[in-house]
C-alpha atoms as a PDB file:
ATOM      1  CA  MET A   1      20.323  -6.744 224.567  1.00  0.00           C
ATOM      2  CA  THR A   2      19.136  -9.693 222.911  1.00  0.00           C
ATOM      3  CA  THR A   3      16.841  -9.465 220.167  1.00  0.00           C
ATOM      4  CA  ALA A   4      16.215 -13.098 218.799  1.00  0.00           C
ATOM      5  CA  THR A   5      16.579 -16.508 219.670  1.00  0.00           C
ATOM      6  CA  GLN A   6      16.765 -19.196 217.630  1.00  0.00           C
ATOM      7  CA  ARG A   7      17.975 -22.925 218.056  1.00  0.00           C
ATOM      8  CA  VAL A   8      20.572 -23.916 214.728  1.00  0.00           C
ATOM      9  CA  CYS A   9      22.780 -21.483 213.501  1.00  0.00           C
ATOM     10  CA  LEU A  10      21.765 -19.854 210.596  1.00  0.00           C
ATOM     11  CA  PHE A  11      24.174 -20.804 208.287  1.00  0.00           C
ATOM     12  CA  CYS A  12      25.090 -24.447 209.278  1.00  0.00           C
ATOM     13  CA  ASP A  13      23.619 -27.101 211.482  1.00  0.00           C
ATOM     14  CA  HIS A  14      25.472 -26.400 214.804  1.00  0.00           C
ATOM     15  CA  THR A  15      22.927 -25.970 217.919  1.00  0.00           C
ATOM     16  CA  LYS A  16      25.411 -24.717 220.044  1.00  0.00           C
ATOM     17  CA  LEU A  17      24.924 -20.697 219.867  1.00  0.00           C
ATOM     18  CA  THR A  18      26.598 -17.615 220.606  1.00  0.00           C
ATOM     19  CA  ARG A  19      25.349 -13.962 220.128  1.00  0.00           C
ATOM     20  CA  GLU A  20      26.218 -11.954 217.254  1.00  0.00           C
ATOM     21  CA  HIS A  21      25.980  -8.311 217.447  1.00  0.00           C
ATOM     22  CA  ILE A  22      23.046  -6.853 215.297  1.00  0.00           C
ATOM     23  CA  TRP A  23      26.116  -4.449 214.252  1.00  0.00           C
ATOM     24  CA  PRO A  24      29.580  -5.821 214.300  1.00  0.00           C
ATOM     25  CA  ASN A  25      31.645  -4.414 217.025  1.00  0.00           C
ATOM     26  CA  TRP A  26      33.788  -2.478 215.171  1.00  0.00           C
ATOM     27  CA  ILE A  27      30.996  -0.199 214.112  1.00  0.00           C
ATOM     28  CA  ALA A  28      29.833   0.327 217.788  1.00  0.00           C
ATOM     29  CA  ARG A  29      33.617   1.321 218.352  1.00  0.00           C
ATOM     30  CA  LEU A  30      33.035   4.055 216.214  1.00  0.00           C
ATOM     31  CA  TRP A  31      31.033   5.601 218.736  1.00  0.00           C
ATOM     32  CA  ALA A  32      32.036   4.240 221.740  1.00  0.00           C
ATOM     33  CA  SER A  33      31.850   7.886 224.062  1.00  0.00           C
ATOM     34  CA  GLU A  34      28.527   8.574 222.980  1.00  0.00           C
ATOM     35  CA  LYS A  35      26.154   7.091 226.027  1.00  0.00           C
ATOM     36  CA  ASP A  36      22.882   8.694 225.150  1.00  0.00           C
ATOM     37  CA  TRP A  37      21.045   6.156 222.765  1.00  0.00           C
ATOM     38  CA  SER A  38      17.470   6.231 221.751  1.00  0.00           C
ATOM     39  CA  PRO A  39      16.664   2.662 220.704  1.00  0.00           C
ATOM     40  CA  GLY A  40      13.177   2.027 218.565  1.00  0.00           C
ATOM     41  CA  ARG A  41      11.218   0.161 216.315  1.00  0.00           C
ATOM     42  CA  VAL A  42       8.291   1.215 213.981  1.00  0.00           C
ATOM     43  CA  ASN A  43       5.593  -0.087 211.866  1.00  0.00           C
ATOM     44  CA  TYR A  44       5.724   1.351 208.661  1.00  0.00           C
ATOM     45  CA  GLU A  45       1.908   0.923 207.998  1.00  0.00           C
ATOM     46  CA  SER A  46       0.443   1.251 210.882  1.00  0.00           C
ATOM     47  CA  GLY A  47       2.617   4.549 211.996  1.00  0.00           C
ATOM     48  CA  GLU A  48       3.314   2.953 215.656  1.00  0.00           C
ATOM     49  CA  HIS A  49       6.762   3.471 216.730  1.00  0.00           C
ATOM     50  CA  TYR A  50       8.506   2.241 219.966  1.00  0.00           C
ATOM     51  CA  GLU A  51      11.182   3.805 221.758  1.00  0.00           C
ATOM     52  CA  TRP A  52      13.858   3.422 224.934  1.00  0.00           C
ATOM     53  CA  LYS A  53      17.046   4.115 226.364  1.00  0.00           C
ATOM     54  CA  ALA A  54      20.408   2.359 226.096  1.00  0.00           C
ATOM     55  CA  LYS A  55      23.341   3.207 227.120  1.00  0.00           C
ATOM     56  CA  SER A  56      25.447   1.713 223.799  1.00  0.00           C
ATOM     57  CA  MET A  57      24.018   0.886 220.714  1.00  0.00           C
ATOM     58  CA  GLU A  58      25.138  -2.812 220.996  1.00  0.00           C
ATOM     59  CA  ALA A  59      22.398  -5.694 220.633  1.00  0.00           C
ATOM     60  CA  VAL A  60      22.689  -8.883 220.226  1.00  0.00           C
ATOM     61  CA  ALA A  61      20.833 -12.058 218.303  1.00  0.00           C
ATOM     62  CA  LYS A  62      21.225 -15.806 219.388  1.00  0.00           C
ATOM     63  CA  VAL A  63      21.192 -16.818 215.573  1.00  0.00           C
ATOM     64  CA  VAL A  64      24.743 -18.012 214.313  1.00  0.00           C
ATOM     65  CA  CYS A  65      27.013 -20.464 216.189  1.00  0.00           C
ATOM     66  CA  LYS A  66      30.496 -19.614 217.495  1.00  0.00           C
ATOM     67  CA  GLN A  67      32.107 -21.397 214.624  1.00  0.00           C
ATOM     68  CA  CYS A  68      30.807 -19.185 212.130  1.00  0.00           C
ATOM     69  CA  ASN A  69      30.789 -16.405 214.118  1.00  0.00           C
ATOM     70  CA  GLU A  70      34.517 -16.460 215.054  1.00  0.00           C
ATOM     71  CA  GLY A  71      35.468 -17.351 211.888  1.00  0.00           C
ATOM     72  CA  TRP A  72      34.386 -16.740 208.097  1.00  0.00           C
ATOM     73  CA  MET A  73      31.801 -13.964 209.121  1.00  0.00           C
ATOM     74  CA  HIS A  74      34.605 -12.292 211.476  1.00  0.00           C
ATOM     75  CA  ASP A  75      37.238 -12.476 208.375  1.00  0.00           C
ATOM     76  CA  LEU A  76      34.801 -10.501 206.462  1.00  0.00           C
ATOM     77  CA  GLU A  77      33.911  -8.218 208.714  1.00  0.00           C
ATOM     78  CA  SER A  78      37.753  -7.812 209.164  1.00  0.00           C
ATOM     79  CA  ARG A  79      38.340  -7.062 205.417  1.00  0.00           C
ATOM     80  CA  ALA A  80      35.109  -4.790 204.946  1.00  0.00           C
ATOM     81  CA  ALA A  81      35.792  -2.090 208.129  1.00  0.00           C
ATOM     82  CA  PRO A  82      38.913  -1.158 206.497  1.00  0.00           C
ATOM     83  CA  ILE A  83      36.658  -0.151 203.543  1.00  0.00           C
ATOM     84  CA  LEU A  84      33.923   1.501 204.931  1.00  0.00           C
ATOM     85  CA  LYS A  85      35.008   3.171 208.107  1.00  0.00           C
ATOM     86  CA  PRO A  86      36.443   6.299 206.156  1.00  0.00           C
ATOM     87  CA  LEU A  87      32.855   6.504 204.311  1.00  0.00           C
ATOM     88  CA  ILE A  88      30.940   6.200 207.152  1.00  0.00           C
ATOM     89  CA  LEU A  89      32.922   8.743 209.111  1.00  0.00           C
ATOM     90  CA  ASN A  90      32.838  10.898 205.649  1.00  0.00           C
ATOM     91  CA  THR A  91      37.027  11.080 206.455  1.00  0.00           C
ATOM     92  CA  ALA A  92      38.004   9.570 203.059  1.00  0.00           C
ATOM     93  CA  LYS A  93      38.561  11.730 200.345  1.00  0.00           C
ATOM     94  CA  PRO A  94      37.471  10.838 196.447  1.00  0.00           C
ATOM     95  CA  HIS A  95      38.920   7.610 195.432  1.00  0.00           C
ATOM     96  CA  ASP A  96      38.042   4.676 193.236  1.00  0.00           C
ATOM     97  CA  LEU A  97      36.408   1.352 194.892  1.00  0.00           C
ATOM     98  CA  SER A  98      37.808  -1.392 192.841  1.00  0.00           C
ATOM     99  CA  VAL A  99      35.895  -4.646 191.560  1.00  0.00           C
ATOM    100  CA  ARG A 100      37.656  -6.457 195.162  1.00  0.00           C
ATOM    101  CA  ASP A 101      36.410  -3.668 197.248  1.00  0.00           C
ATOM    102  CA  LEU A 102      32.902  -3.653 196.084  1.00  0.00           C
ATOM    103  CA  SER A 103      32.814  -7.804 195.709  1.00  0.00           C
ATOM    104  CA  ILE A 104      33.584  -7.426 199.663  1.00  0.00           C
ATOM    105  CA  LEU A 105      30.981  -4.677 199.951  1.00  0.00           C
ATOM    106  CA  ALA A 106      28.514  -7.018 198.305  1.00  0.00           C
ATOM    107  CA  ALA A 107      29.240  -9.882 200.398  1.00  0.00           C
ATOM    108  CA  TRP A 108      29.214  -7.502 203.424  1.00  0.00           C
ATOM    109  CA  GLY A 109      25.985  -6.077 202.989  1.00  0.00           C
ATOM    110  CA  THR A 110      24.391  -9.875 202.141  1.00  0.00           C
ATOM    111  CA  LEU A 111      25.517 -10.918 205.604  1.00  0.00           C
ATOM    112  CA  ARG A 112      23.879  -7.818 207.773  1.00  0.00           C
ATOM    113  CA  SER A 113      20.672  -8.178 205.456  1.00  0.00           C
ATOM    114  CA  MET A 114      19.992 -11.950 206.429  1.00  0.00           C
ATOM    115  CA  VAL A 115      21.154 -11.222 209.992  1.00  0.00           C
ATOM    116  CA  PHE A 116      18.590  -8.668 210.216  1.00  0.00           C
ATOM    117  CA  ALA A 117      16.133 -10.427 208.430  1.00  0.00           C
ATOM    118  CA  ALA A 118      16.842 -13.616 211.349  1.00  0.00           C
ATOM    119  CA  THR A 119      15.765 -11.119 213.572  1.00  0.00           C
ATOM    120  CA  LEU A 120      12.295 -10.061 212.557  1.00  0.00           C
ATOM    121  CA  PRO A 121       9.804 -11.343 215.350  1.00  0.00           C
ATOM    122  CA  GLU A 122       7.512 -12.584 213.216  1.00  0.00           C
ATOM    123  CA  PRO A 123       9.208 -16.085 211.681  1.00  0.00           C
ATOM    124  CA  GLU A 124       7.209 -15.855 208.734  1.00  0.00           C
ATOM    125  CA  ALA A 125       8.370 -12.729 207.753  1.00  0.00           C
ATOM    126  CA  ARG A 126      11.682 -14.148 207.430  1.00  0.00           C
ATOM    127  CA  PHE A 127      12.863 -13.834 203.631  1.00  0.00           C
ATOM    128  CA  HIS A 128      15.809 -15.797 203.181  1.00  0.00           C
ATOM    129  CA  THR A 129      15.930 -20.134 202.754  1.00  0.00           C
ATOM    130  CA  ARG A 130      18.405 -21.865 204.635  1.00  0.00           C
ATOM    131  CA  ASP A 131      19.640 -23.059 201.881  1.00  0.00           C
ATOM    132  CA  GLU A 132      20.673 -19.371 201.105  1.00  0.00           C
ATOM    133  CA  TYR A 133      22.128 -19.010 204.213  1.00  0.00           C
ATOM    134  CA  ARG A 134      24.305 -22.220 203.618  1.00  0.00           C
ATOM    135  CA  ARG A 135      25.182 -21.279 200.109  1.00  0.00           C
ATOM    136  CA  PHE A 136      26.060 -17.723 201.039  1.00  0.00           C
ATOM    137  CA  ALA A 137      28.453 -18.708 203.852  1.00  0.00           C
ATOM    138  CA  THR A 138      30.298 -21.406 201.786  1.00  0.00           C
ATOM    139  CA  SER A 139      30.854 -19.072 198.595  1.00  0.00           C
ATOM    140  CA  LEU A 140      30.128 -15.257 199.465  1.00  0.00           C
ATOM    141  CA  VAL A 141      28.460 -14.428 196.652  1.00  0.00           C
ATOM    142  CA  PRO A 142      25.181 -12.077 197.181  1.00  0.00           C
ATOM    143  CA  PRO A 143      22.173 -14.060 195.778  1.00  0.00           C
ATOM    144  CA  THR A 144      21.293 -13.623 191.957  1.00  0.00           C
ATOM    145  CA  LYS A 145      18.332 -11.596 192.711  1.00  0.00           C
ATOM    146  CA  ALA A 146      19.170  -8.836 194.266  1.00  0.00           C
ATOM    147  CA  TYR A 147      20.617  -5.237 194.100  1.00  0.00           C
ATOM    148  CA  MET A 148      22.632  -3.413 196.188  1.00  0.00           C
ATOM    149  CA  TRP A 149      23.468   0.417 196.799  1.00  0.00           C
ATOM    150  CA  LEU A 150      25.641   2.714 198.204  1.00  0.00           C
ATOM    151  CA  ALA A 151      24.944   6.643 199.086  1.00  0.00           C
ATOM    152  CA  THR A 152      26.573   9.329 201.263  1.00  0.00           C
ATOM    153  CA  PHE A 153      24.582  11.688 203.770  1.00  0.00           C
ATOM    154  CA  PRO A 154      27.022  13.724 205.288  1.00  0.00           C
ATOM    155  CA  ARG A 155      24.465  15.029 207.898  1.00  0.00           C
ATOM    156  CA  GLY A 156      24.143  11.450 209.249  1.00  0.00           C
ATOM    157  CA  LYS A 157      24.485  11.134 213.008  1.00  0.00           C
ATOM    158  CA  PRO A 158      26.437   8.501 215.133  1.00  0.00           C
ATOM    159  CA  GLY A 159      24.759   4.957 215.097  1.00  0.00           C
ATOM    160  CA  ALA A 160      23.251   3.162 212.813  1.00  0.00           C
ATOM    161  CA  GLY A 161      19.901   2.013 212.401  1.00  0.00           C
ATOM    162  CA  HIS A 162      18.166  -0.834 209.465  1.00  0.00           C
ATOM    163  CA  GLY A 163      14.584  -1.628 208.144  1.00  0.00           C
ATOM    164  CA  VAL A 164      13.676  -4.534 206.770  1.00  0.00           C
ATOM    165  CA  HIS A 165      10.738  -4.985 204.667  1.00  0.00           C
ATOM    166  CA  THR A 166       8.858  -7.932 203.240  1.00  0.00           C
ATOM    167  CA  ARG A 167       5.876  -7.842 200.683  1.00  0.00           C
ATOM    168  CA  ILE A 168       3.589 -10.990 200.280  1.00  0.00           C
ATOM    169  CA  ALA A 169       2.856 -12.367 197.042  1.00  0.00           C
ATOM    170  CA  LYS A 170      -0.506 -13.716 196.089  1.00  0.00           C
ATOM    171  CA  ASP A 171      -0.116 -17.100 196.445  1.00  0.00           C
ATOM    172  CA  GLY A 172       0.769 -16.329 200.770  1.00  0.00           C
ATOM    173  CA  ALA A 173       5.087 -16.770 199.491  1.00  0.00           C
ATOM    174  CA  LEU A 174       7.289 -14.082 200.381  1.00  0.00           C
ATOM    175  CA  ALA A 175       8.071 -12.047 197.357  1.00  0.00           C
ATOM    176  CA  ILE A 176      10.324  -9.082 197.920  1.00  0.00           C
ATOM    177  CA  ALA A 177      12.568  -8.096 200.773  1.00  0.00           C
ATOM    178  CA  GLN A 178      14.056  -4.884 200.972  1.00  0.00           C
ATOM    179  CA  VAL A 179      16.935  -3.702 203.599  1.00  0.00           C
ATOM    180  CA  ASN A 180      17.511  -0.448 204.045  1.00  0.00           C
ATOM    181  CA  CYS A 181      20.291   1.050 206.590  1.00  0.00           C
ATOM    182  CA  ILE A 182      21.942   4.417 207.580  1.00  0.00           C
ATOM    183  CA  ILE A 183      25.537   4.036 209.026  1.00  0.00           C
ATOM    184  CA  GLY A 184      27.000   7.343 210.382  1.00  0.00           C
ATOM    185  CA  GLN A 185      27.263   9.073 207.260  1.00  0.00           C
ATOM    186  CA  ILE A 186      26.239   6.786 204.665  1.00  0.00           C
ATOM    187  CA  ALA A 187      23.149   4.633 203.579  1.00  0.00           C
ATOM    188  CA  PHE A 188      23.058   0.895 202.084  1.00  0.00           C
ATOM    189  CA  GLN A 189      20.469  -0.335 200.764  1.00  0.00           C
ATOM    190  CA  VAL A 190      19.357  -3.911 199.539  1.00  0.00           C
ATOM    191  CA  MET A 191      17.064  -5.498 197.090  1.00  0.00           C
ATOM    192  CA  GLN A 192      16.358  -9.054 196.536  1.00  0.00           C
ATOM    193  CA  TRP A 193      13.471 -10.929 194.894  1.00  0.00           C
ATOM    194  CA  ARG A 194      11.659 -14.287 194.682  1.00  0.00           C
ATOM    195  CA  SER A 195      11.331 -15.219 191.010  1.00  0.00           C
ATOM    196  CA  GLY A 196      10.944 -13.673 187.226  1.00  0.00           C
ATOM    197  CA  ARG A 197      12.588 -10.353 186.370  1.00  0.00           C
ATOM    198  CA  LYS A 198      13.767  -7.529 188.730  1.00  0.00           C
ATOM    199  CA  PRO A 199      10.681  -6.054 190.558  1.00  0.00           C
ATOM    200  CA  PHE A 200      11.585  -2.203 189.848  1.00  0.00           C
ATOM    201  CA  SER A 201      13.250  -0.079 187.483  1.00  0.00           C
ATOM    202  CA  LEU A 202      15.834   2.695 187.885  1.00  0.00           C
ATOM    203  CA  PRO A 203      15.054   5.196 184.362  1.00  0.00           C
ATOM    204  CA  LEU A 204      17.826   7.623 183.895  1.00  0.00           C
ATOM    205  CA  SER A 205      15.536  10.381 184.339  1.00  0.00           C
ATOM    206  CA  SER A 206      15.284   9.669 187.951  1.00  0.00           C
ATOM    207  CA  GLY A 207      17.910  10.966 188.759  1.00  0.00           C
ATOM    208  CA  TRP A 208      19.208   8.185 191.361  1.00  0.00           C
ATOM    209  CA  HIS A 209      22.187   7.296 189.184  1.00  0.00           C
ATOM    210  CA  ASN A 210      24.101  10.237 190.167  1.00  0.00           C
ATOM    211  CA  ALA A 211      23.144  10.007 194.162  1.00  0.00           C
ATOM    212  CA  THR A 212      23.722   6.126 194.351  1.00  0.00           C
ATOM    213  CA  LEU A 213      26.644   3.506 193.718  1.00  0.00           C
ATOM    214  CA  GLN A 214      25.960   0.167 192.366  1.00  0.00           C
ATOM    215  CA  VAL A 215      27.453  -2.320 194.278  1.00  0.00           C
ATOM    216  CA  TRP A 216      25.637  -5.656 193.343  1.00  0.00           C
ATOM    217  CA  PRO A 217      25.640  -6.925 190.762  1.00  0.00           C
ATOM    218  CA  LEU A 218      28.798  -6.153 190.382  1.00  0.00           C
ATOM    219  CA  ALA A 219      29.765  -3.954 186.630  1.00  0.00           C
ATOM    220  CA  GLY A 220      33.542  -5.103 186.282  1.00  0.00           C
ATOM    221  CA  ARG A 221      35.097  -1.712 187.038  1.00  0.00           C
ATOM    222  CA  THR A 222      35.868   0.423 189.351  1.00  0.00           C
ATOM    223  CA  VAL A 223      33.270   3.094 190.634  1.00  0.00           C
ATOM    224  CA  SER A 224      34.280   6.515 192.009  1.00  0.00           C
ATOM    225  CA  TRP A 225      33.493   7.421 195.285  1.00  0.00           C
ATOM    226  CA  PRO A 226      31.659   9.611 196.802  1.00  0.00           C
ATOM    227  CA  PRO A 227      28.134   9.689 193.929  1.00  0.00           C
ATOM    228  CA  PRO A 228      28.006  13.287 192.458  1.00  0.00           C
ATOM    229  CA  VAL A 229      24.886  13.762 194.575  1.00  0.00           C
ATOM    230  CA  LEU A 230      24.903  13.823 198.273  1.00  0.00           C
ATOM    231  CA  LEU A 231      22.188  12.735 200.254  1.00  0.00           C
ATOM    232  CA  ASP A 232      20.049  15.251 202.644  1.00  0.00           C
ATOM    233  CA  VAL A 233      17.418  14.083 205.046  1.00  0.00           C
ATOM    234  CA  GLU A 234      14.634  14.231 202.394  1.00  0.00           C
ATOM    235  CA  LEU A 235      16.720  12.523 199.713  1.00  0.00           C
ATOM    236  CA  VAL A 236      17.469   9.720 202.514  1.00  0.00           C
ATOM    237  CA  ASN A 237      13.897   9.563 202.989  1.00  0.00           C
ATOM    238  CA  MET A 238      12.946   9.026 199.369  1.00  0.00           C
ATOM    239  CA  LEU A 239      15.587   6.382 198.437  1.00  0.00           C
ATOM    240  CA  CYS A 240      14.722   4.293 201.329  1.00  0.00           C
ATOM    241  CA  GLY A 241      11.007   4.585 200.137  1.00  0.00           C
ATOM    242  CA  ARG A 242      11.728   4.188 196.579  1.00  0.00           C
ATOM    243  CA  PHE A 243      10.416   1.213 196.175  1.00  0.00           C
ATOM    244  CA  LEU A 244       7.808   0.722 199.046  1.00  0.00           C
ATOM    245  CA  PRO A 245       3.840   0.764 198.294  1.00  0.00           C
ATOM    246  CA  VAL A 246       3.789   3.368 201.816  1.00  0.00           C
ATOM    247  CA  PRO A 247       4.798   6.498 202.046  1.00  0.00           C
ATOM    248  CA  TYR A 248       8.488   6.431 203.921  1.00  0.00           C
ATOM    249  CA  ARG A 249       9.796   8.210 207.001  1.00  0.00           C
ATOM    250  CA  PHE A 250      13.271   6.304 207.816  1.00  0.00           C
ATOM    251  CA  VAL A 251      13.538   5.349 211.920  1.00  0.00           C
ATOM    252  CA  PRO A 252      17.036   3.918 212.740  1.00  0.00           C
ATOM    253  CA  ILE A 253      16.862   1.194 215.220  1.00  0.00           C
ATOM    254  CA  PHE A 254      19.729   1.350 216.653  1.00  0.00           C
END
């Protein structure tokens, strides 16, 4: 299934585009035996929900060129997969994630959030600029005004879903972009903003520091996996909606 098409690669000037998987092949292969998928889309403000049947969780978007797709993007996926697979399948014993591990996860989260945003049906709702795409392709460093968190969700089902939410400033510019992902038995959240100080606060009293690991900005030290608090369905919905102005119920888009 192709979900989006454009004329120029997101990350360079090439115009000969290839199909990039919304979720990389290595994630789809984790559940290759599953044949009954129910992809869907939801409008969180209106509550409208659309769902259909599919034989696999694979979906593609024609938004990048072959050189990027099979070059640095493939290399990044190859580095991220060994770190993420045991977390996604919940087969990892308690262990430390190194600063290198976290930097790879931060780059991977940025890449996925950029691809997700590029597939939005409304071009005006796409948060990242051309310069941001290109800077990331050459540096693999997430934007400065961004935060990312990782959490464990032991009740997660096979598959992966994401939601992209943007907020408009008074001047009409896109001010905030939030990406929520559920991948098997983990949750991944990205928050990015345009200008000024970060538009949110997380006091220690909120308890989220016990339920999430901060992936970006880097803290300069190793962190322990899993977090002390494991997410259930209610906490997943609270996590995904903690920065949103409307009530949130996570409905995956496979």
